[in-house]
PDB file of all heavy atoms in Angstrom:
ATOM      1  N   GLY A   1     148.822 130.099  87.373  1.00  0.00           N
ATOM      2  CA  GLY A   1     149.528 131.348  87.191  1.00  0.00           C
ATOM      3  C   GLY A   1     149.215 132.469  88.120  1.00  0.00           C
ATOM      4  O   GLY A   1     149.672 133.596  87.919  1.00  0.00           O
ATOM      5  N   ARG A   2     148.404 132.172  89.074  1.00  0.00           N
ATOM      6  CA  ARG A   2     147.971 133.228  90.050  1.00  0.00           C
ATOM      7  C   ARG A   2     148.349 132.809  91.468  1.00  0.00           C
ATOM      8  O   ARG A   2     148.576 131.645  91.785  1.00  0.00           O
ATOM      9  CB  ARG A   2     146.480 133.486  89.923  1.00  0.00           C
ATOM     10  CG  ARG A   2     146.054 133.875  88.538  1.00  0.00           C
ATOM     11  CD  ARG A   2     144.640 134.337  88.520  1.00  0.00           C
ATOM     12  NE  ARG A   2     144.449 135.598  89.261  1.00  0.00           N
ATOM     13  CZ  ARG A   2     143.329 136.251  89.313  1.00  0.00           C
ATOM     14  NH1 ARG A   2     142.258 135.802  88.688  1.00  0.00           N
ATOM     15  NH2 ARG A   2     143.237 137.374  89.999  1.00  0.00           N
ATOM     16  N   GLU A   3     148.357 133.805  92.345  1.00  0.00           N
ATOM     17  CA  GLU A   3     148.604 133.541  93.746  1.00  0.00           C
ATOM     18  C   GLU A   3     147.403 132.907  94.413  1.00  0.00           C
ATOM     19  O   GLU A   3     146.231 133.116  93.988  1.00  0.00           O
ATOM     20  CB  GLU A   3     149.012 134.840  94.457  1.00  0.00           C
ATOM     21  CG  GLU A   3     150.357 135.391  94.007  1.00  0.00           C
ATOM     22  CD  GLU A   3     150.760 136.589  94.857  1.00  0.00           C
ATOM     23  OE1 GLU A   3     150.003 137.006  95.732  1.00  0.00           O
ATOM     24  OE2 GLU A   3     151.903 137.100  94.620  1.00  0.00           O
ATOM     25  N   ARG A   4     147.657 132.212  95.447  1.00  0.00           N
ATOM     26  CA  ARG A   4     146.526 131.653  96.225  1.00  0.00           C
ATOM     27  C   ARG A   4     145.764 132.800  96.883  1.00  0.00           C
ATOM     28  O   ARG A   4     146.321 133.717  97.406  1.00  0.00           O
ATOM     29  CB  ARG A   4     147.095 130.666  97.283  1.00  0.00           C
ATOM     30  CG  ARG A   4     146.034 129.953  98.087  1.00  0.00           C
ATOM     31  CD  ARG A   4     146.678 128.907  98.950  1.00  0.00           C
ATOM     32  NE  ARG A   4     147.626 129.478  99.874  1.00  0.00           N
ATOM     33  CZ  ARG A   4     148.580 128.781 100.496  1.00  0.00           C
ATOM     34  NH1 ARG A   4     148.708 127.473 100.280  1.00  0.00           N
ATOM     35  NH2 ARG A   4     149.393 129.397 101.324  1.00  0.00           N
ATOM     36  N   GLU A   5     144.455 132.646  96.871  1.00  0.00           N
ATOM     37  CA  GLU A   5     143.585 133.648  97.512  1.00  0.00           C
ATOM     38  C   GLU A   5     142.607 133.023  98.459  1.00  0.00           C
ATOM     39  O   GLU A   5     142.116 131.897  98.259  1.00  0.00           O
ATOM     40  CB  GLU A   5     142.789 134.411  96.404  1.00  0.00           C
ATOM     41  CG  GLU A   5     141.803 133.603  95.624  1.00  0.00           C
ATOM     42  CD  GLU A   5     140.872 134.457  94.782  1.00  0.00           C
ATOM     43  OE1 GLU A   5     140.560 135.580  95.143  1.00  0.00           O
ATOM     44  OE2 GLU A   5     140.443 133.922  93.715  1.00  0.00           O
ATOM     45  N   ALA A   6     142.307 133.758  99.516  1.00  0.00           N
ATOM     46  CA  ALA A   6     141.313 133.351 100.481  1.00  0.00           C
ATOM     47  C   ALA A   6     139.941 133.689  99.904  1.00  0.00           C
ATOM     48  O   ALA A   6     139.771 134.793  99.391  1.00  0.00           O
ATOM     49  CB  ALA A   6     141.529 134.005 101.827  1.00  0.00           C
ATOM     50  N   ILE A   7     139.004 132.782 100.001  1.00  0.00           N
ATOM     51  CA  ILE A   7     137.661 133.048  99.457  1.00  0.00           C
ATOM     52  C   ILE A   7     136.533 132.929 100.468  1.00  0.00           C
ATOM     53  O   ILE A   7     135.490 133.584 100.274  1.00  0.00           O
ATOM     54  CB  ILE A   7     137.363 132.148  98.235  1.00  0.00           C
ATOM     55  CG1 ILE A   7     137.415 130.667  98.629  1.00  0.00           C
ATOM     56  CG2 ILE A   7     138.257 132.470  97.068  1.00  0.00           C
ATOM     57  CD1 ILE A   7     136.939 129.758  97.500  1.00  0.00           C
ATOM     58  N   ALA A   8     136.728 132.211 101.557  1.00  0.00           N
ATOM     59  CA  ALA A   8     135.633 132.040 102.526  1.00  0.00           C
ATOM     60  C   ALA A   8     136.206 131.571 103.850  1.00  0.00           C
ATOM     61  O   ALA A   8     137.215 130.850 103.883  1.00  0.00           O
ATOM     62  CB  ALA A   8     134.586 131.068 102.055  1.00  0.00           C
ATOM     63  N   CYS A   9     135.577 131.970 104.916  1.00  0.00           N
ATOM     64  CA  CYS A   9     135.939 131.477 106.238  1.00  0.00           C
ATOM     65  C   CYS A   9     134.706 131.372 107.098  1.00  0.00           C
ATOM     66  O   CYS A   9     133.651 131.992 106.808  1.00  0.00           O
ATOM     67  CB  CYS A   9     136.991 132.368 106.886  1.00  0.00           C
ATOM     68  SG  CYS A   9     136.518 134.080 107.190  1.00  0.00           S
ATOM     69  N   ILE A  10     134.858 130.608 108.153  1.00  0.00           N
ATOM     70  CA  ILE A  10     133.709 130.379 109.079  1.00  0.00           C
ATOM     71  C   ILE A  10     134.265 130.274 110.469  1.00  0.00           C
ATOM     72  O   ILE A  10     135.356 129.741 110.733  1.00  0.00           O
ATOM     73  CB  ILE A  10     132.922 129.122 108.655  1.00  0.00           C
ATOM     74  CG1 ILE A  10     131.618 129.016 109.461  1.00  0.00           C
ATOM     75  CG2 ILE A  10     133.776 127.823 108.849  1.00  0.00           C
ATOM     76  CD1 ILE A  10     130.673 127.942 108.903  1.00  0.00           C
ATOM     77  N   SER A  11     133.540 130.823 111.457  1.00  0.00           N
ATOM     78  CA  SER A  11     133.985 130.842 112.832  1.00  0.00           C
ATOM     79  C   SER A  11     133.788 129.433 113.420  1.00  0.00           C
ATOM     80  O   SER A  11     133.199 128.543 112.837  1.00  0.00           O
ATOM     81  CB  SER A  11     133.171 131.881 113.591  1.00  0.00           C
ATOM     82  OG  SER A  11     131.773 131.592 113.544  1.00  0.00           O
ATOM     83  N   THR A  12     134.308 129.299 114.623  1.00  0.00           N
ATOM     84  CA  THR A  12     134.363 127.945 115.261  1.00  0.00           C
ATOM     85  C   THR A  12     132.957 127.308 115.450  1.00  0.00           C
ATOM     86  O   THR A  12     132.832 126.124 115.198  1.00  0.00           O
ATOM     87  CB  THR A  12     135.049 128.075 116.612  1.00  0.00           C
ATOM     88  OG1 THR A  12     134.394 129.051 117.415  1.00  0.00           O
ATOM     89  CG2 THR A  12     136.522 128.441 116.485  1.00  0.00           C
ATOM     90  N   ALA A  13     131.990 128.101 115.835  1.00  0.00           N
ATOM     91  CA  ALA A  13     130.657 127.578 116.001  1.00  0.00           C
ATOM     92  C   ALA A  13     129.788 127.637 114.769  1.00  0.00           C
ATOM     93  O   ALA A  13     128.635 127.228 114.805  1.00  0.00           O
ATOM     94  CB  ALA A  13     129.973 128.278 117.164  1.00  0.00           C
ATOM     95  N   GLY A  14     130.367 128.225 113.703  1.00  0.00           N
ATOM     96  CA  GLY A  14     129.603 128.376 112.487  1.00  0.00           C
ATOM     97  C   GLY A  14     128.630 129.539 112.466  1.00  0.00           C
ATOM     98  O   GLY A  14     127.792 129.654 111.555  1.00  0.00           O
ATOM     99  N   LEU A  15     128.790 130.443 113.392  1.00  0.00           N
ATOM    100  CA  LEU A  15     127.820 131.519 113.510  1.00  0.00           C
ATOM    101  C   LEU A  15     128.184 132.711 112.590  1.00  0.00           C
ATOM    102  O   LEU A  15     127.335 133.591 112.309  1.00  0.00           O
ATOM    103  CB  LEU A  15     127.747 132.013 114.950  1.00  0.00           C
ATOM    104  CG  LEU A  15     127.229 131.008 115.962  1.00  0.00           C
ATOM    105  CD1 LEU A  15     127.234 131.617 117.360  1.00  0.00           C
ATOM    106  CD2 LEU A  15     125.857 130.515 115.592  1.00  0.00           C
ATOM    107  N   ARG A  16     129.432 132.748 112.152  1.00  0.00           N
ATOM    108  CA  ARG A  16     129.886 133.832 111.302  1.00  0.00           C
ATOM    109  C   ARG A  16     130.586 133.249 110.078  1.00  0.00           C
ATOM    110  O   ARG A  16     131.438 132.402 110.189  1.00  0.00           O
ATOM    111  CB  ARG A  16     130.867 134.703 112.054  1.00  0.00           C
ATOM    112  CG  ARG A  16     131.390 135.911 111.249  1.00  0.00           C
ATOM    113  CD  ARG A  16     132.447 136.689 112.002  1.00  0.00           C
ATOM    114  NE  ARG A  16     131.975 137.049 113.362  1.00  0.00           N
ATOM    115  CZ  ARG A  16     132.499 136.499 114.440  1.00  0.00           C
ATOM    116  NH1 ARG A  16     133.485 135.615 114.385  1.00  0.00           N
ATOM    117  NH2 ARG A  16     132.064 136.884 115.626  1.00  0.00           N
ATOM    118  N   THR A  17     130.162 133.722 108.916  1.00  0.00           N
ATOM    119  CA  THR A  17     130.841 133.390 107.658  1.00  0.00           C
ATOM    120  C   THR A  17     131.148 134.718 106.925  1.00  0.00           C
ATOM    121  O   THR A  17     130.360 135.650 106.964  1.00  0.00           O
ATOM    122  CB  THR A  17     129.975 132.498 106.756  1.00  0.00           C
ATOM    123  OG1 THR A  17     128.682 133.106 106.591  1.00  0.00           O
ATOM    124  CG2 THR A  17     129.797 131.121 107.341  1.00  0.00           C
ATOM    125  N   ASN A  18     132.264 134.727 106.276  1.00  0.00           N
ATOM    126  CA  ASN A  18     132.675 135.859 105.456  1.00  0.00           C
ATOM    127  C   ASN A  18     133.241 135.386 104.135  1.00  0.00           C
ATOM    128  O   ASN A  18     133.789 134.275 104.079  1.00  0.00           O
ATOM    129  CB  ASN A  18     133.715 136.705 106.211  1.00  0.00           C
ATOM    130  CG  ASN A  18     133.127 137.424 107.430  1.00  0.00           C
ATOM    131  OD1 ASN A  18     132.074 138.068 107.299  1.00  0.00           O
ATOM    132  ND2 ASN A  18     133.784 137.356 108.543  1.00  0.00           N
ATOM    133  N   TYR A  19     133.119 136.226 103.120  1.00  0.00           N
ATOM    134  CA  TYR A  19     133.499 135.824 101.775  1.00  0.00           C
ATOM    135  C   TYR A  19     134.266 136.909 101.090  1.00  0.00           C
ATOM    136  O   TYR A  19     134.045 138.111 101.307  1.00  0.00           O
ATOM    137  CB  TYR A  19     132.247 135.498 100.986  1.00  0.00           C
ATOM    138  CG  TYR A  19     131.380 134.451 101.601  1.00  0.00           C
ATOM    139  CD1 TYR A  19     130.335 134.755 102.482  1.00  0.00           C
ATOM    140  CD2 TYR A  19     131.615 133.091 101.320  1.00  0.00           C
ATOM    141  CE1 TYR A  19     129.598 133.767 103.047  1.00  0.00           C
ATOM    142  CE2 TYR A  19     130.843 132.105 101.924  1.00  0.00           C
ATOM    143  CZ  TYR A  19     129.827 132.446 102.775  1.00  0.00           C
ATOM    144  OH  TYR A  19     129.069 131.490 103.389  1.00  0.00           O
ATOM    145  N   ALA A  20     135.134 136.479 100.160  1.00  0.00           N
ATOM    146  CA  ALA A  20     135.766 137.411  99.270  1.00  0.00           C
ATOM    147  C   ALA A  20     134.744 137.978  98.319  1.00  0.00           C
ATOM    148  O   ALA A  20     133.774 137.285  97.998  1.00  0.00           O
ATOM    149  CB  ALA A  20     136.910 136.732  98.523  1.00  0.00           C
ATOM    150  N   ASP A  21     134.970 139.165  97.824  1.00  0.00           N
ATOM    151  CA  ASP A  21     134.018 139.791  96.897  1.00  0.00           C
ATOM    152  C   ASP A  21     133.844 138.937  95.663  1.00  0.00           C
ATOM    153  O   ASP A  21     132.737 138.954  95.049  1.00  0.00           O
ATOM    154  CB  ASP A  21     134.520 141.182  96.511  1.00  0.00           C
ATOM    155  CG  ASP A  21     134.390 142.189  97.644  1.00  0.00           C
ATOM    156  OD1 ASP A  21     133.616 141.908  98.607  1.00  0.00           O
ATOM    157  OD2 ASP A  21     135.043 143.219  97.575  1.00  0.00           O
ATOM    158  N   SER A  22     134.863 138.227  95.256  1.00  0.00           N
ATOM    159  CA  SER A  22     134.809 137.430  94.027  1.00  0.00           C
ATOM    160  C   SER A  22     133.806 136.285  94.086  1.00  0.00           C
ATOM    161  O   SER A  22     133.375 135.799  93.049  1.00  0.00           O
ATOM    162  CB  SER A  22     136.188 136.908  93.693  1.00  0.00           C
ATOM    163  OG  SER A  22     136.685 136.103  94.743  1.00  0.00           O
ATOM    164  N   VAL A  23     133.419 135.893  95.291  1.00  0.00           N
ATOM    165  CA  VAL A  23     132.497 134.744  95.412  1.00  0.00           C
ATOM    166  C   VAL A  23     131.254 135.067  96.201  1.00  0.00           C
ATOM    167  O   VAL A  23     130.323 134.239  96.300  1.00  0.00           O
ATOM    168  CB  VAL A  23     133.189 133.540  96.054  1.00  0.00           C
ATOM    169  CG1 VAL A  23     134.446 133.165  95.279  1.00  0.00           C
ATOM    170  CG2 VAL A  23     133.521 133.787  97.554  1.00  0.00           C
ATOM    171  N   LYS A  24     131.192 136.272  96.753  1.00  0.00           N
ATOM    172  CA  LYS A  24     130.064 136.633  97.604  1.00  0.00           C
ATOM    173  C   LYS A  24     128.751 136.531  96.827  1.00  0.00           C
ATOM    174  O   LYS A  24     128.628 136.997  95.696  1.00  0.00           O
ATOM    175  CB  LYS A  24     130.274 138.051  98.122  1.00  0.00           C
ATOM    176  CG  LYS A  24     129.381 138.448  99.269  1.00  0.00           C
ATOM    177  CD  LYS A  24     129.771 139.825  99.802  1.00  0.00           C
ATOM    178  CE  LYS A  24     131.203 139.790 100.387  1.00  0.00           C
ATOM    179  NZ  LYS A  24     131.579 141.117 100.980  1.00  0.00           N
ATOM    180  N   GLY A  25     127.776 135.917  97.438  1.00  0.00           N
ATOM    181  CA  GLY A  25     126.476 135.720  96.797  1.00  0.00           C
ATOM    182  C   GLY A  25     126.365 134.493  95.948  1.00  0.00           C
ATOM    183  O   GLY A  25     125.287 134.127  95.549  1.00  0.00           O
ATOM    184  N   ARG A  26     127.521 133.843  95.698  1.00  0.00           N
ATOM    185  CA  ARG A  26     127.463 132.619  94.873  1.00  0.00           C
ATOM    186  C   ARG A  26     127.952 131.395  95.654  1.00  0.00           C
ATOM    187  O   ARG A  26     127.542 130.277  95.381  1.00  0.00           O
ATOM    188  CB  ARG A  26     128.371 132.769  93.648  1.00  0.00           C
ATOM    189  CG  ARG A  26     127.975 133.887  92.714  1.00  0.00           C
ATOM    190  CD  ARG A  26     128.822 133.882  91.449  1.00  0.00           C
ATOM    191  NE  ARG A  26     130.244 134.058  91.708  1.00  0.00           N
ATOM    192  CZ  ARG A  26     131.182 133.213  91.338  1.00  0.00           C
ATOM    193  NH1 ARG A  26     130.858 132.107  90.712  1.00  0.00           N
ATOM    194  NH2 ARG A  26     132.489 133.455  91.612  1.00  0.00           N
ATOM    195  N   PHE A  27     128.840 131.577  96.625  1.00  0.00           N
ATOM    196  CA  PHE A  27     129.391 130.482  97.431  1.00  0.00           C
ATOM    197  C   PHE A  27     128.844 130.577  98.864  1.00  0.00           C
ATOM    198  O   PHE A  27     128.680 131.683  99.397  1.00  0.00           O
ATOM    199  CB  PHE A  27     130.920 130.578  97.467  1.00  0.00           C
ATOM    200  CG  PHE A  27     131.588 130.255  96.174  1.00  0.00           C
ATOM    201  CD1 PHE A  27     130.917 130.169  94.959  1.00  0.00           C
ATOM    202  CD2 PHE A  27     132.960 130.103  96.119  1.00  0.00           C
ATOM    203  CE1 PHE A  27     131.551 129.909  93.793  1.00  0.00           C
ATOM    204  CE2 PHE A  27     133.673 129.802  94.942  1.00  0.00           C
ATOM    205  CZ  PHE A  27     132.932 129.738  93.766  1.00  0.00           C
ATOM    206  N   THR A  28     128.650 129.407  99.475  1.00  0.00           N
ATOM    207  CA  THR A  28     128.193 129.342 100.859  1.00  0.00           C
ATOM    208  C   THR A  28     129.074 128.330 101.596  1.00  0.00           C
ATOM    209  O   THR A  28     129.168 127.164 101.174  1.00  0.00           O
ATOM    210  CB  THR A  28     126.728 128.907 100.925  1.00  0.00           C
ATOM    211  OG1 THR A  28     125.918 129.903 100.233  1.00  0.00           O
ATOM    212  CG2 THR A  28     126.279 128.881 102.394  1.00  0.00           C
ATOM    213  N   MET A  29     129.640 128.785 102.698  1.00  0.00           N
ATOM    214  CA  MET A  29     130.467 127.896 103.510  1.00  0.00           C
ATOM    215  C   MET A  29     129.699 127.491 104.763  1.00  0.00           C
ATOM    216  O   MET A  29     128.971 128.304 105.364  1.00  0.00           O
ATOM    217  CB  MET A  29     131.767 128.571 103.926  1.00  0.00           C
ATOM    218  CG  MET A  29     132.686 127.649 104.673  1.00  0.00           C
ATOM    219  SD  MET A  29     134.324 128.402 104.958  1.00  0.00           S
ATOM    220  CE  MET A  29     135.166 127.051 105.770  1.00  0.00           C
ATOM    221  N   SER A  30     129.829 126.229 105.189  1.00  0.00           N
ATOM    222  CA  SER A  30     129.212 125.757 106.420  1.00  0.00           C
ATOM    223  C   SER A  30     130.117 124.733 107.074  1.00  0.00           C
ATOM    224  O   SER A  30     131.143 124.344 106.500  1.00  0.00           O
ATOM    225  CB  SER A  30     127.851 125.117 106.085  1.00  0.00           C
ATOM    226  OG  SER A  30     127.989 124.013 105.198  1.00  0.00           O
ATOM    227  N   ARG A  31     129.742 124.354 108.263  1.00  0.00           N
ATOM    228  CA  ARG A  31     130.525 123.351 109.006  1.00  0.00           C
ATOM    229  C   ARG A  31     129.620 122.506 109.885  1.00  0.00           C
ATOM    230  O   ARG A  31     128.545 122.981 110.269  1.00  0.00           O
ATOM    231  CB  ARG A  31     131.643 124.007 109.850  1.00  0.00           C
ATOM    232  CG  ARG A  31     131.135 124.848 111.008  1.00  0.00           C
ATOM    233  CD  ARG A  31     132.277 125.630 111.645  1.00  0.00           C
ATOM    234  NE  ARG A  31     133.245 124.727 112.286  1.00  0.00           N
ATOM    235  CZ  ARG A  31     134.485 125.091 112.633  1.00  0.00           C
ATOM    236  NH1 ARG A  31     134.891 126.328 112.381  1.00  0.00           N
ATOM    237  NH2 ARG A  31     135.301 124.242 113.231  1.00  0.00           N
ATOM    238  N   ASP A  32     130.085 121.310 110.182  1.00  0.00           N
ATOM    239  CA  ASP A  32     129.388 120.433 111.075  1.00  0.00           C
ATOM    240  C   ASP A  32     130.421 119.953 112.094  1.00  0.00           C
ATOM    241  O   ASP A  32     131.267 119.102 111.781  1.00  0.00           O
ATOM    242  CB  ASP A  32     128.767 119.244 110.324  1.00  0.00           C
ATOM    243  CG  ASP A  32     127.953 118.363 111.183  1.00  0.00           C
ATOM    244  OD1 ASP A  32     128.220 118.233 112.412  1.00  0.00           O
ATOM    245  OD2 ASP A  32     127.006 117.736 110.652  1.00  0.00           O
TER     246      ASP A  32
END
């Protein structure tokens, strides 16, 4: 019943991650 929301992103080399306030401090994004 809700719209899709962005919650996390990561830059191409994995040096930068950003989070939505709703998940900040609880979710961690990474890449290989």
